[in-house]
C-alpha atoms as a PDB file:
ATOM      1  CA  UNK A   1     -84.852 -84.305-135.726  1.00  0.00           C
ATOM      2  CA  UNK A   2     -81.528 -83.909-136.373  1.00  0.00           C
ATOM      3  CA  UNK A   3     -78.945 -86.682-135.295  1.00  0.00           C
ATOM      4  CA  UNK A   4     -77.520 -85.728-132.277  1.00  0.00           C
ATOM      5  CA  UNK A   5     -74.412 -87.356-133.114  1.00  0.00           C
ATOM      6  CA  UNK A   6     -74.162 -84.737-135.537  1.00  0.00           C
ATOM      7  CA  UNK A   7     -75.155 -81.886-133.795  1.00  0.00           C
ATOM      8  CA  UNK A   8     -72.247 -83.030-131.316  1.00  0.00           C
ATOM      9  CA  UNK A   9     -69.848 -82.769-134.284  1.00  0.00           C
ATOM     10  CA  UNK A  10     -70.768 -79.330-135.448  1.00  0.00           C
ATOM     11  CA  UNK A  11     -70.738 -77.676-131.414  1.00  0.00           C
ATOM     12  CA  UNK A  12     -67.109 -79.682-131.456  1.00  0.00           C
ATOM     13  CA  UNK A  13     -65.676 -78.350-134.365  1.00  0.00           C
ATOM     14  CA  UNK A  14     -67.414 -75.038-133.302  1.00  0.00           C
ATOM     15  CA  UNK A  15     -65.641 -74.902-129.953  1.00  0.00           C
ATOM     16  CA  UNK A  16     -62.206 -76.291-131.231  1.00  0.00           C
ATOM     17  CA  UNK A  17     -62.502 -73.697-134.209  1.00  0.00           C
ATOM     18  CA  UNK A  18     -62.541 -70.741-131.545  1.00  0.00           C
ATOM     19  CA  UNK A  19     -60.520 -72.459-129.566  1.00  0.00           C
ATOM     20  CA  UNK A  20     -57.419 -72.287-132.940  1.00  0.00           C
ATOM     21  CA  UNK A  21     -58.757 -68.439-133.082  1.00  0.00           C
ATOM     22  CA  UNK A  22     -58.254 -67.683-129.390  1.00  0.00           C
ATOM     23  CA  UNK A  23     -54.694 -69.416-129.519  1.00  0.00           C
ATOM     24  CA  UNK A  24     -53.653 -67.731-132.687  1.00  0.00           C
ATOM     25  CA  UNK A  25     -54.418 -64.584-131.111  1.00  0.00           C
ATOM     26  CA  UNK A  26     -53.063 -65.209-127.896  1.00  0.00           C
ATOM     27  CA  UNK A  27     -49.669 -66.466-130.175  1.00  0.00           C
ATOM     28  CA  UNK A  28     -49.630 -63.016-132.036  1.00  0.00           C
ATOM     29  CA  UNK A  29     -50.096 -61.253-129.068  1.00  0.00           C
ATOM     30  CA  UNK A  30     -47.024 -62.763-127.068  1.00  0.00           C
ATOM     31  CA  UNK A  31     -44.499 -62.843-129.890  1.00  0.00           C
ATOM     32  CA  UNK A  32     -45.372 -58.674-130.711  1.00  0.00           C
ATOM     33  CA  UNK A  33     -44.743 -58.144-126.667  1.00  0.00           C
ATOM     34  CA  UNK A  34     -41.615 -60.199-126.918  1.00  0.00           C
ATOM     35  CA  UNK A  35     -40.634 -58.267-129.929  1.00  0.00           C
ATOM     36  CA  UNK A  36     -41.289 -54.758-128.012  1.00  0.00           C
ATOM     37  CA  UNK A  37     -39.846 -56.501-125.214  1.00  0.00           C
ATOM     38  CA  UNK A  38     -36.182 -57.095-127.071  1.00  0.00           C
ATOM     39  CA  UNK A  39     -36.718 -53.379-128.556  1.00  0.00           C
ATOM     40  CA  UNK A  40     -37.225 -52.044-125.166  1.00  0.00           C
ATOM     41  CA  UNK A  41     -33.985 -53.118-123.781  1.00  0.00           C
ATOM     42  CA  UNK A  42     -31.688 -52.682-127.125  1.00  0.00           C
ATOM     43  CA  UNK A  43     -33.294 -49.296-126.625  1.00  0.00           C
ATOM     44  CA  UNK A  44     -35.151 -49.134-130.123  1.00  0.00           C
ATOM     45  CA  UNK A  45     -38.463 -48.566-128.564  1.00  0.00           C
ATOM     46  CA  UNK A  46     -38.131 -44.999-127.866  1.00  0.00           C
ATOM     47  CA  UNK A  47     -36.041 -42.027-129.063  1.00  0.00           C
ATOM     48  CA  UNK A  48     -35.248 -39.087-126.622  1.00  0.00           C
ATOM     49  CA  UNK A  49     -38.502 -39.687-124.633  1.00  0.00           C
ATOM     50  CA  UNK A  50     -39.940 -38.633-127.541  1.00  0.00           C
ATOM     51  CA  UNK A  51     -42.371 -40.745-129.855  1.00  0.00           C
ATOM     52  CA  UNK A  52     -41.920 -44.440-130.371  1.00  0.00           C
ATOM     53  CA  UNK A  53     -39.018 -44.776-132.961  1.00  0.00           C
ATOM     54  CA  UNK A  54     -40.505 -45.478-136.387  1.00  0.00           C
ATOM     55  CA  UNK A  55     -40.934 -49.395-137.048  1.00  0.00           C
ATOM     56  CA  UNK A  56     -40.868 -49.022-141.343  1.00  0.00           C
ATOM     57  CA  UNK A  57     -39.347 -52.005-142.536  1.00  0.00           C
ATOM     58  CA  UNK A  58     -39.450 -53.758-139.715  1.00  0.00           C
ATOM     59  CA  UNK A  59     -38.886 -56.636-141.712  1.00  0.00           C
ATOM     60  CA  UNK A  60     -35.823 -56.363-143.324  1.00  0.00           C
ATOM     61  CA  UNK A  61     -35.328 -54.732-139.490  1.00  0.00           C
ATOM     62  CA  UNK A  62     -35.341 -58.382-138.178  1.00  0.00           C
ATOM     63  CA  UNK A  63     -33.982 -59.965-140.683  1.00  0.00           C
ATOM     64  CA  UNK A  64     -30.367 -57.974-140.935  1.00  0.00           C
ATOM     65  CA  UNK A  65     -30.590 -58.318-136.847  1.00  0.00           C
ATOM     66  CA  UNK A  66     -30.356 -61.799-137.009  1.00  0.00           C
ATOM     67  CA  UNK A  67     -26.763 -61.635-138.924  1.00  0.00           C
ATOM     68  CA  UNK A  68     -23.842 -61.077-136.984  1.00  0.00           C
ATOM     69  CA  UNK A  69     -22.321 -57.925-139.507  1.00  0.00           C
ATOM     70  CA  UNK A  70     -26.403 -57.319-139.097  1.00  0.00           C
ATOM     71  CA  UNK A  71     -26.256 -57.242-135.057  1.00  0.00           C
ATOM     72  CA  UNK A  72     -22.742 -55.218-135.203  1.00  0.00           C
ATOM     73  CA  UNK A  73     -24.775 -52.458-137.631  1.00  0.00           C
ATOM     74  CA  UNK A  74     -26.914 -52.540-135.146  1.00  0.00           C
ATOM     75  CA  UNK A  75     -25.211 -51.775-132.360  1.00  0.00           C
ATOM     76  CA  UNK A  76     -23.777 -48.961-133.452  1.00  0.00           C
ATOM     77  CA  UNK A  77     -26.655 -47.688-134.837  1.00  0.00           C
ATOM     78  CA  UNK A  78     -28.506 -47.991-131.112  1.00  0.00           C
ATOM     79  CA  UNK A  79     -25.060 -46.209-129.973  1.00  0.00           C
ATOM     80  CA  UNK A  80     -25.986 -42.936-132.322  1.00  0.00           C
ATOM     81  CA  UNK A  81     -29.118 -42.314-130.526  1.00  0.00           C
ATOM     82  CA  UNK A  82     -30.490 -41.399-134.195  1.00  0.00           C
ATOM     83  CA  UNK A  83     -33.992 -42.114-135.104  1.00  0.00           C
ATOM     84  CA  UNK A  84     -33.377 -44.964-137.504  1.00  0.00           C
ATOM     85  CA  UNK A  85     -33.358 -48.208-137.342  1.00  0.00           C
ATOM     86  CA  UNK A  86     -30.952 -51.137-138.834  1.00  0.00           C
ATOM     87  CA  UNK A  87     -32.717 -51.864-141.682  1.00  0.00           C
ATOM     88  CA  UNK A  88     -32.634 -48.492-143.333  1.00  0.00           C
ATOM     89  CA  UNK A  89     -29.341 -47.893-142.507  1.00  0.00           C
ATOM     90  CA  UNK A  90     -28.197 -50.982-144.849  1.00  0.00           C
ATOM     91  CA  UNK A  91     -30.797 -50.024-146.678  1.00  0.00           C
ATOM     92  CA  UNK A  92     -29.811 -46.299-147.239  1.00  0.00           C
ATOM     93  CA  UNK A  93     -26.677 -47.229-147.573  1.00  0.00           C
ATOM     94  CA  UNK A  94     -26.633 -49.975-150.373  1.00  0.00           C
ATOM     95  CA  UNK A  95     -28.654 -46.935-152.629  1.00  0.00           C
ATOM     96  CA  UNK A  96     -26.350 -44.762-151.508  1.00  0.00           C
ATOM     97  CA  UNK A  97     -23.449 -46.629-152.596  1.00  0.00           C
ATOM     98  CA  UNK A  98     -25.506 -47.772-155.935  1.00  0.00           C
ATOM     99  CA  UNK A  99     -25.438 -44.167-156.616  1.00  0.00           C
ATOM    100  CA  UNK A 100     -21.670 -43.570-156.261  1.00  0.00           C
ATOM    101  CA  UNK A 101     -20.832 -46.115-158.223  1.00  0.00           C
ATOM    102  CA  UNK A 102     -22.886 -44.788-160.930  1.00  0.00           C
ATOM    103  CA  UNK A 103     -21.797 -41.612-160.321  1.00  0.00           C
ATOM    104  CA  UNK A 104     -18.001 -42.283-160.122  1.00  0.00           C
ATOM    105  CA  UNK A 105     -18.227 -44.703-163.179  1.00  0.00           C
ATOM    106  CA  UNK A 106     -20.103 -41.727-165.088  1.00  0.00           C
ATOM    107  CA  UNK A 107     -18.045 -38.556-164.031  1.00  0.00           C
ATOM    108  CA  UNK A 108     -14.389 -40.243-163.718  1.00  0.00           C
ATOM    109  CA  UNK A 109     -13.377 -43.847-165.583  1.00  0.00           C
ATOM    110  CA  UNK A 110     -15.608 -47.132-165.033  1.00  0.00           C
ATOM    111  CA  UNK A 111     -12.668 -48.079-162.841  1.00  0.00           C
ATOM    112  CA  UNK A 112     -13.264 -45.567-159.938  1.00  0.00           C
ATOM    113  CA  UNK A 113     -16.670 -47.405-159.326  1.00  0.00           C
ATOM    114  CA  UNK A 114     -15.838 -49.802-157.083  1.00  0.00           C
ATOM    115  CA  UNK A 115     -12.975 -47.907-155.324  1.00  0.00           C
ATOM    116  CA  UNK A 116     -15.841 -45.239-154.879  1.00  0.00           C
ATOM    117  CA  UNK A 117     -18.623 -47.594-153.792  1.00  0.00           C
ATOM    118  CA  UNK A 118     -16.039 -48.845-150.972  1.00  0.00           C
ATOM    119  CA  UNK A 119     -15.205 -45.511-149.669  1.00  0.00           C
ATOM    120  CA  UNK A 120     -19.251 -44.332-149.788  1.00  0.00           C
ATOM    121  CA  UNK A 121     -19.503 -48.276-147.198  1.00  0.00           C
ATOM    122  CA  UNK A 122     -16.233 -46.827-145.020  1.00  0.00           C
ATOM    123  CA  UNK A 123     -17.956 -43.377-145.324  1.00  0.00           C
ATOM    124  CA  UNK A 124     -21.120 -44.876-143.490  1.00  0.00           C
ATOM    125  CA  UNK A 125     -19.441 -46.880-140.872  1.00  0.00           C
ATOM    126  CA  UNK A 126     -17.531 -43.687-140.280  1.00  0.00           C
ATOM    127  CA  UNK A 127     -20.544 -41.337-140.064  1.00  0.00           C
ATOM    128  CA  UNK A 128     -21.700 -43.889-137.251  1.00  0.00           C
ATOM    129  CA  UNK A 129     -18.762 -43.518-135.487  1.00  0.00           C
ATOM    130  CA  UNK A 130     -18.803 -39.471-135.864  1.00  0.00           C
ATOM    131  CA  UNK A 131     -22.311 -39.751-134.453  1.00  0.00           C
ATOM    132  CA  UNK A 132     -21.639 -41.925-131.921  1.00  0.00           C
ATOM    133  CA  UNK A 133     -18.396 -39.825-131.179  1.00  0.00           C
ATOM    134  CA  UNK A 134     -20.817 -37.198-131.057  1.00  0.00           C
ATOM    135  CA  UNK A 135     -23.352 -38.019-128.446  1.00  0.00           C
ATOM    136  CA  UNK A 136     -20.274 -39.772-126.060  1.00  0.00           C
ATOM    137  CA  UNK A 137     -19.045 -35.912-126.261  1.00  0.00           C
ATOM    138  CA  UNK A 138     -22.494 -34.574-125.395  1.00  0.00           C
ATOM    139  CA  UNK A 139     -22.627 -37.000-122.655  1.00  0.00           C
ATOM    140  CA  UNK A 140     -19.540 -36.181-121.087  1.00  0.00           C
ATOM    141  CA  UNK A 141     -20.678 -32.404-120.925  1.00  0.00           C
ATOM    142  CA  UNK A 142     -23.679 -33.305-119.141  1.00  0.00           C
ATOM    143  CA  UNK A 143     -22.399 -35.665-116.342  1.00  0.00           C
ATOM    144  CA  UNK A 144     -21.298 -32.827-114.238  1.00  0.00           C
ATOM    145  CA  UNK A 145     -24.513 -32.186-113.687  1.00  0.00           C
ATOM    146  CA  UNK A 146     -25.725 -36.188-113.435  1.00  0.00           C
ATOM    147  CA  UNK A 147     -23.280 -36.063-110.665  1.00  0.00           C
ATOM    148  CA  UNK A 148     -24.663 -33.220-108.872  1.00  0.00           C
ATOM    149  CA  UNK A 149     -28.296 -34.336-109.673  1.00  0.00           C
ATOM    150  CA  UNK A 150     -27.177 -38.128-107.776  1.00  0.00           C
ATOM    151  CA  UNK A 151     -25.688 -36.266-105.000  1.00  0.00           C
ATOM    152  CA  UNK A 152     -28.137 -34.625-104.258  1.00  0.00           C
ATOM    153  CA  UNK A 153     -30.970 -37.095-104.351  1.00  0.00           C
ATOM    154  CA  UNK A 154     -28.675 -39.851-102.150  1.00  0.00           C
ATOM    155  CA  UNK A 155     -28.365 -36.656-100.041  1.00  0.00           C
ATOM    156  CA  UNK A 156     -31.959 -36.538 -99.528  1.00  0.00           C
ATOM    157  CA  UNK A 157     -32.321 -40.131 -98.948  1.00  0.00           C
ATOM    158  CA  UNK A 158     -33.557 -41.631-102.089  1.00  0.00           C
ATOM    159  CA  UNK A 159     -32.261 -44.865-103.399  1.00  0.00           C
ATOM    160  CA  UNK A 160     -29.983 -45.537-105.818  1.00  0.00           C
ATOM    161  CA  UNK A 161     -32.699 -46.520-108.574  1.00  0.00           C
ATOM    162  CA  UNK A 162     -35.095 -43.762-107.349  1.00  0.00           C
ATOM    163  CA  UNK A 163     -32.147 -41.189-107.444  1.00  0.00           C
ATOM    164  CA  UNK A 164     -31.049 -42.309-111.640  1.00  0.00           C
ATOM    165  CA  UNK A 165     -34.888 -42.605-112.407  1.00  0.00           C
ATOM    166  CA  UNK A 166     -34.998 -38.730-111.439  1.00  0.00           C
ATOM    167  CA  UNK A 167     -32.234 -37.837-113.184  1.00  0.00           C
ATOM    168  CA  UNK A 168     -33.864 -39.421-116.185  1.00  0.00           C
ATOM    169  CA  UNK A 169     -36.932 -37.217-115.673  1.00  0.00           C
ATOM    170  CA  UNK A 170     -34.629 -33.393-115.191  1.00  0.00           C
ATOM    171  CA  UNK A 171     -31.929 -34.211-117.373  1.00  0.00           C
ATOM    172  CA  UNK A 172     -31.742 -33.404-121.324  1.00  0.00           C
ATOM    173  CA  UNK A 173     -30.844 -35.422-124.033  1.00  0.00           C
ATOM    174  CA  UNK A 174     -28.782 -37.296-124.311  1.00  0.00           C
ATOM    175  CA  UNK A 175     -28.056 -37.886-120.548  1.00  0.00           C
ATOM    176  CA  UNK A 176     -32.078 -38.135-120.160  1.00  0.00           C
ATOM    177  CA  UNK A 177     -32.502 -41.132-122.847  1.00  0.00           C
ATOM    178  CA  UNK A 178     -29.848 -42.976-121.648  1.00  0.00           C
ATOM    179  CA  UNK A 179     -30.482 -42.867-117.783  1.00  0.00           C
ATOM    180  CA  UNK A 180     -34.090 -43.659-119.307  1.00  0.00           C
ATOM    181  CA  UNK A 181     -33.193 -46.515-120.353  1.00  0.00           C
ATOM    182  CA  UNK A 182     -31.276 -47.802-117.604  1.00  0.00           C
ATOM    183  CA  UNK A 183     -34.159 -46.629-115.270  1.00  0.00           C
ATOM    184  CA  UNK A 184     -36.517 -49.027-117.449  1.00  0.00           C
ATOM    185  CA  UNK A 185     -33.878 -52.369-117.537  1.00  0.00           C
ATOM    186  CA  UNK A 186     -34.080 -51.646-114.006  1.00  0.00           C
ATOM    187  CA  UNK A 187     -37.549 -51.889-113.630  1.00  0.00           C
ATOM    188  CA  UNK A 188     -37.563 -55.285-115.379  1.00  0.00           C
ATOM    189  CA  UNK A 189     -35.929 -56.701-112.865  1.00  0.00           C
ATOM    190  CA  UNK A 190     -32.445 -56.067-114.046  1.00  0.00           C
ATOM    191  CA  UNK A 191     -29.398 -55.606-111.365  1.00  0.00           C
ATOM    192  CA  UNK A 192     -27.603 -52.044-110.989  1.00  0.00           C
ATOM    193  CA  UNK A 193     -24.195 -53.285-111.507  1.00  0.00           C
ATOM    194  CA  UNK A 194     -24.916 -54.649-114.701  1.00  0.00           C
ATOM    195  CA  UNK A 195     -27.546 -52.154-116.316  1.00  0.00           C
ATOM    196  CA  UNK A 196     -24.576 -49.452-115.165  1.00  0.00           C
ATOM    197  CA  UNK A 197     -21.484 -51.759-116.436  1.00  0.00           C
ATOM    198  CA  UNK A 198     -23.770 -51.695-120.095  1.00  0.00           C
ATOM    199  CA  UNK A 199     -24.079 -47.801-120.187  1.00  0.00           C
ATOM    200  CA  UNK A 200     -20.523 -48.148-119.584  1.00  0.00           C
ATOM    201  CA  UNK A 201     -19.949 -50.240-122.629  1.00  0.00           C
ATOM    202  CA  UNK A 202     -22.239 -48.103-124.561  1.00  0.00           C
ATOM    203  CA  UNK A 203     -21.171 -44.757-123.871  1.00  0.00           C
ATOM    204  CA  UNK A 204     -17.351 -45.249-123.082  1.00  0.00           C
ATOM    205  CA  UNK A 205     -15.274 -42.801-121.671  1.00  0.00           C
ATOM    206  CA  UNK A 206     -13.095 -42.314-118.551  1.00  0.00           C
ATOM    207  CA  UNK A 207     -15.938 -40.444-117.083  1.00  0.00           C
ATOM    208  CA  UNK A 208     -18.109 -41.854-117.262  1.00  0.00           C
ATOM    209  CA  UNK A 209     -16.478 -45.126-116.047  1.00  0.00           C
ATOM    210  CA  UNK A 210     -14.885 -43.376-112.869  1.00  0.00           C
ATOM    211  CA  UNK A 211     -18.965 -42.890-112.467  1.00  0.00           C
ATOM    212  CA  UNK A 212     -19.632 -46.131-112.744  1.00  0.00           C
ATOM    213  CA  UNK A 213     -17.235 -47.389-110.619  1.00  0.00           C
ATOM    214  CA  UNK A 214     -17.847 -44.591-107.688  1.00  0.00           C
ATOM    215  CA  UNK A 215     -21.755 -45.690-108.370  1.00  0.00           C
ATOM    216  CA  UNK A 216     -21.296 -49.542-107.840  1.00  0.00           C
ATOM    217  CA  UNK A 217     -18.781 -49.409-105.142  1.00  0.00           C
ATOM    218  CA  UNK A 218     -21.169 -47.597-103.119  1.00  0.00           C
ATOM    219  CA  UNK A 219     -23.824 -49.420-103.995  1.00  0.00           C
ATOM    220  CA  UNK A 220     -21.998 -52.914-103.295  1.00  0.00           C
ATOM    221  CA  UNK A 221     -20.004 -51.659-100.345  1.00  0.00           C
ATOM    222  CA  UNK A 222     -21.799 -48.332 -98.797  1.00  0.00           C
ATOM    223  CA  UNK A 223     -20.031 -45.477 -97.575  1.00  0.00           C
ATOM    224  CA  UNK A 224     -19.714 -41.719 -98.292  1.00  0.00           C
ATOM    225  CA  UNK A 225     -21.347 -41.653-101.762  1.00  0.00           C
ATOM    226  CA  UNK A 226     -22.799 -38.294-101.716  1.00  0.00           C
ATOM    227  CA  UNK A 227     -19.098 -37.053-100.689  1.00  0.00           C
ATOM    228  CA  UNK A 228     -17.737 -38.918-103.516  1.00  0.00           C
ATOM    229  CA  UNK A 229     -20.336 -37.899-105.888  1.00  0.00           C
ATOM    230  CA  UNK A 230     -20.032 -33.577-104.933  1.00  0.00           C
ATOM    231  CA  UNK A 231     -15.526 -34.422-105.369  1.00  0.00           C
ATOM    232  CA  UNK A 232     -16.208 -36.055-108.703  1.00  0.00           C
ATOM    233  CA  UNK A 233     -19.169 -33.057-109.191  1.00  0.00           C
ATOM    234  CA  UNK A 234     -15.968 -30.863-109.588  1.00  0.00           C
ATOM    235  CA  UNK A 235     -13.451 -32.867-111.529  1.00  0.00           C
ATOM    236  CA  UNK A 236     -15.730 -33.285-114.163  1.00  0.00           C
ATOM    237  CA  UNK A 237     -16.053 -30.013-114.784  1.00  0.00           C
ATOM    238  CA  UNK A 238     -12.153 -29.371-114.519  1.00  0.00           C
ATOM    239  CA  UNK A 239     -11.994 -32.207-117.303  1.00  0.00           C
ATOM    240  CA  UNK A 240     -14.932 -30.652-119.329  1.00  0.00           C
ATOM    241  CA  UNK A 241     -13.177 -27.432-120.034  1.00  0.00           C
ATOM    242  CA  UNK A 242      -9.781 -29.275-120.495  1.00  0.00           C
ATOM    243  CA  UNK A 243     -11.735 -31.208-123.645  1.00  0.00           C
ATOM    244  CA  UNK A 244     -13.283 -28.085-124.578  1.00  0.00           C
ATOM    245  CA  UNK A 245      -9.721 -26.546-125.142  1.00  0.00           C
ATOM    246  CA  UNK A 246      -8.194 -29.639-126.198  1.00  0.00           C
ATOM    247  CA  UNK A 247     -10.732 -29.939-129.027  1.00  0.00           C
ATOM    248  CA  UNK A 248     -10.419 -25.982-129.924  1.00  0.00           C
ATOM    249  CA  UNK A 249      -6.659 -26.105-130.430  1.00  0.00           C
ATOM    250  CA  UNK A 250      -7.056 -29.642-132.362  1.00  0.00           C
ATOM    251  CA  UNK A 251      -9.941 -28.379-134.714  1.00  0.00           C
ATOM    252  CA  UNK A 252      -7.097 -27.038-137.510  1.00  0.00           C
ATOM    253  CA  UNK A 253      -4.957 -30.605-137.201  1.00  0.00           C
ATOM    254  CA  UNK A 254      -8.731 -32.068-138.330  1.00  0.00           C
ATOM    255  CA  UNK A 255     -10.020 -29.465-140.946  1.00  0.00           C
ATOM    256  CA  UNK A 256      -6.076 -30.243-142.875  1.00  0.00           C
ATOM    257  CA  UNK A 257      -7.270 -34.010-142.851  1.00  0.00           C
ATOM    258  CA  UNK A 258     -10.263 -34.014-144.728  1.00  0.00           C
ATOM    259  CA  UNK A 259      -8.307 -31.185-147.001  1.00  0.00           C
ATOM    260  CA  UNK A 260      -5.618 -33.564-148.255  1.00  0.00           C
ATOM    261  CA  UNK A 261      -7.980 -36.404-149.450  1.00  0.00           C
ATOM    262  CA  UNK A 262     -10.210 -33.421-150.887  1.00  0.00           C
ATOM    263  CA  UNK A 263      -6.964 -32.270-152.796  1.00  0.00           C
ATOM    264  CA  UNK A 264      -6.477 -35.593-154.493  1.00  0.00           C
ATOM    265  CA  UNK A 265     -10.087 -35.919-155.602  1.00  0.00           C
ATOM    266  CA  UNK A 266     -10.437 -32.115-157.049  1.00  0.00           C
ATOM    267  CA  UNK A 267      -7.417 -32.749-159.151  1.00  0.00           C
ATOM    268  CA  UNK A 268      -8.547 -36.104-160.893  1.00  0.00           C
ATOM    269  CA  UNK A 269     -11.466 -33.976-161.485  1.00  0.00           C
ATOM    270  CA  UNK A 270      -9.603 -31.339-162.744  1.00  0.00           C
ATOM    271  CA  UNK A 271      -7.337 -33.545-164.885  1.00  0.00           C
ATOM    272  CA  UNK A 272     -10.612 -35.184-166.665  1.00  0.00           C
ATOM    273  CA  UNK A 273     -12.053 -31.894-167.030  1.00  0.00           C
ATOM    274  CA  UNK A 274      -9.412 -30.555-169.151  1.00  0.00           C
ATOM    275  CA  UNK A 275      -9.001 -33.385-171.117  1.00  0.00           C
ATOM    276  CA  UNK A 276     -12.200 -35.317-171.327  1.00  0.00           C
ATOM    277  CA  UNK A 277     -11.412 -39.027-171.137  1.00  0.00           C
ATOM    278  CA  UNK A 278      -7.609 -38.810-169.760  1.00  0.00           C
ATOM    279  CA  UNK A 279      -8.838 -41.169-167.004  1.00  0.00           C
ATOM    280  CA  UNK A 280     -10.487 -43.436-169.377  1.00  0.00           C
ATOM    281  CA  UNK A 281      -7.273 -43.480-170.868  1.00  0.00           C
ATOM    282  CA  UNK A 282      -4.998 -44.100-167.952  1.00  0.00           C
ATOM    283  CA  UNK A 283      -7.392 -46.793-165.656  1.00  0.00           C
ATOM    284  CA  UNK A 284      -6.847 -48.729-169.220  1.00  0.00           C
ATOM    285  CA  UNK A 285      -3.840 -50.010-168.746  1.00  0.00           C
ATOM    286  CA  UNK A 286      -2.492 -51.975-165.677  1.00  0.00           C
ATOM    287  CA  UNK A 287       0.426 -49.593-165.151  1.00  0.00           C
ATOM    288  CA  UNK A 288      -1.887 -46.982-164.903  1.00  0.00           C
ATOM    289  CA  UNK A 289      -4.326 -48.610-162.675  1.00  0.00           C
ATOM    290  CA  UNK A 290      -1.711 -49.281-160.378  1.00  0.00           C
ATOM    291  CA  UNK A 291      -0.247 -45.867-160.024  1.00  0.00           C
ATOM    292  CA  UNK A 292      -3.906 -44.403-159.588  1.00  0.00           C
ATOM    293  CA  UNK A 293      -4.385 -46.947-156.867  1.00  0.00           C
ATOM    294  CA  UNK A 294      -0.984 -46.255-155.641  1.00  0.00           C
ATOM    295  CA  UNK A 295      -1.478 -42.246-155.551  1.00  0.00           C
ATOM    296  CA  UNK A 296      -5.153 -43.111-153.601  1.00  0.00           C
ATOM    297  CA  UNK A 297      -3.240 -45.283-150.963  1.00  0.00           C
ATOM    298  CA  UNK A 298      -0.839 -42.470-150.148  1.00  0.00           C
ATOM    299  CA  UNK A 299      -3.868 -39.997-149.985  1.00  0.00           C
ATOM    300  CA  UNK A 300      -5.406 -42.560-147.531  1.00  0.00           C
ATOM    301  CA  UNK A 301      -2.462 -42.886-145.210  1.00  0.00           C
ATOM    302  CA  UNK A 302      -1.699 -39.253-145.333  1.00  0.00           C
ATOM    303  CA  UNK A 303      -5.470 -38.700-144.192  1.00  0.00           C
ATOM    304  CA  UNK A 304      -4.816 -41.292-141.203  1.00  0.00           C
ATOM    305  CA  UNK A 305      -1.603 -40.525-140.383  1.00  0.00           C
ATOM    306  CA  UNK A 306      -3.021 -36.240-139.671  1.00  0.00           C
ATOM    307  CA  UNK A 307      -5.688 -38.007-137.935  1.00  0.00           C
ATOM    308  CA  UNK A 308      -3.667 -39.876-135.793  1.00  0.00           C
ATOM    309  CA  UNK A 309      -1.209 -37.130-134.962  1.00  0.00           C
ATOM    310  CA  UNK A 310      -4.176 -34.622-134.071  1.00  0.00           C
ATOM    311  CA  UNK A 311      -5.833 -37.386-131.138  1.00  0.00           C
ATOM    312  CA  UNK A 312      -5.170 -36.757-127.900  1.00  0.00           C
ATOM    313  CA  UNK A 313      -6.683 -38.593-125.175  1.00  0.00           C
ATOM    314  CA  UNK A 314      -7.696 -36.392-122.139  1.00  0.00           C
END
């Protein structure tokens, strides 16, 4: 017969192993749930009400988002609505900068490699800002319909939380996605004031600030929210038409801003093609490098000055 002490030790070991496996499984499930909740609050768990955003390069994404620049980039990427994680954007940007550096070195001269990489980094950030501005513009165009739906839902006796959830289901993207994010955060227990303020910070615009202020004040103090929303709908429609007219008038100015640096790059390519190795010889001396940097600086100043003159806040 086996020793009872040995059997007891084996049973205790088996029970401890089972508890360790169960504890490890519970810990892994809790960690996965926490990451899913963080992504949901950050707006990364869904895009446009469609399938879940790809979790490729999840490790790189988490590593990037732990850093301060990574968190800044994450806020920019999440505001664009692109089906792209922060880690993917950083990886693709680094690869693009390496290609630009190599191409500028081969086509122009080694001196232009770092300049091309810096320009590419600025272009990547400018692309995010452009996508964000494009998304904000699309959201602003939907604000009259948002105000109309909220006014009708409130007039029917629905609470503001329910009205926001209903508007999220009725509207297309980006308003549908943003209001779905608001509804998800409200369902997790966050206050209406905090959630709407975060929406206004995520998509900054005067029209949205007015709508958020109206909703917050009506939620705090009550009052004729239906009449305010319907009056706001008319105002938003008028501002929508005004913004469209201003954007049409300024399209030529914006095109000129991009044409100026394109002419500079074209002239460099033309000089190098007519006299092979000319740019390499010019950038071999300190005076040539200073003159090249001065000319590029003037083109850059011209670009930003034209863009600033063509910027009108409506």
